[in-house]
Structures are given as C-alpha cells and as structure tokens.
Amino acid sequence: MSLRSAPAGSRVVAFRKENAATQGLQLGLKFRESFGKAVYIDTIIPGTQAANLEKQGKLQKGDEIVMVSATFGDEMWSARGIGKQRLEKSIAVRQGQTIKFVIEASDDNSKAKQKALAEKLAKEAKMTSRLQAELAKEVDAAKAAKPKGKLFGLF
C-alpha cells in the first residue's frame, strides 16, 4: 500500500510556483540521482525560495526527496526510486500555486530512526500473526468439540 499523504512527523516543505511548467531550478534546487534512482538535493541556489528554506533550517544540501505533490490536489506521490528525470517531470506538470516535497535528512540519525521503526513494525507483524494462529487453533478446537446432530444440529 502506498501513502497518499506525508506520514506524521515528516519534514514537508512547500514552494510557491508559477502557473506554468516549472523546473527545479526555478524553485532554487538542483538535484542529483544516486544509485537506486534516489534523488537528493545537490545544490541550493542563493537568493531563491530554497535558500530561504535553508536559512530556516527546513532543508539542506544532501536531503533526499521522498515524496512530491501529485499533478493536482493535495495528494502526494512517492518519489523513492523514481530518478531525477521523473521527479523533474512531476514538478513541471504540477498544477496550482504550490508544490510540496517530503524530505529526509541523509544523516545517520535519520536512518537509525527509520531502521528502529521498521524493526518495531516487523515485531508487531510477527506478534499479530502469532495471535491469529492461536485464535485459529481455538476456533478449530471449538468446532471439533461441538456435538453434531441431525437436522442442522437442532436434534
């Protein structure tokens, strides 16, 4: 299942954009693509919206773009593994006055939090499957213990 909005606690940055096809450069961002088609902020152009957001501490060089605004509306699309070209195309076709990105820092602290969250979710999934198996055993035992009579168990 894919998310259609930014997860709780995510860093979301919004840019005002012209009512025309917009490129990342017009927002003040230059992107770079890494192995696995992850897209990172390579350069922040001085004197732009991105530079102002950098001064506010909302984004920085090296941050990974993980979600981008959909073509229209408030939904967001995952940008993990889409590559620089598709991200820039998503920016260009965006309709409306703003475009939003969900960004993640590429530092070790952020990755450690993600790993801890993934481990927690895996542990919860394991516990849920164990409880479901126990419940299925109880249901099967109850069905086996129930006496079967004639005529739908009424007599």
Foldseek 3Di string as FASTA:
>chain_A
DDAFADDPPWQKDKAFDDQAFDFPVQQQFDWDADPLQWIFTAGGHPPHNSNVCVVVVSDDGGKTFQWKAAQDDRTIDGNGSPHDVVVRVRSRNRGDGMMMTTIDHPDPVRVVVVVVVVVVVVVVVVVVVVVVVVVVVVVVVVVVPDDADPDRRPD
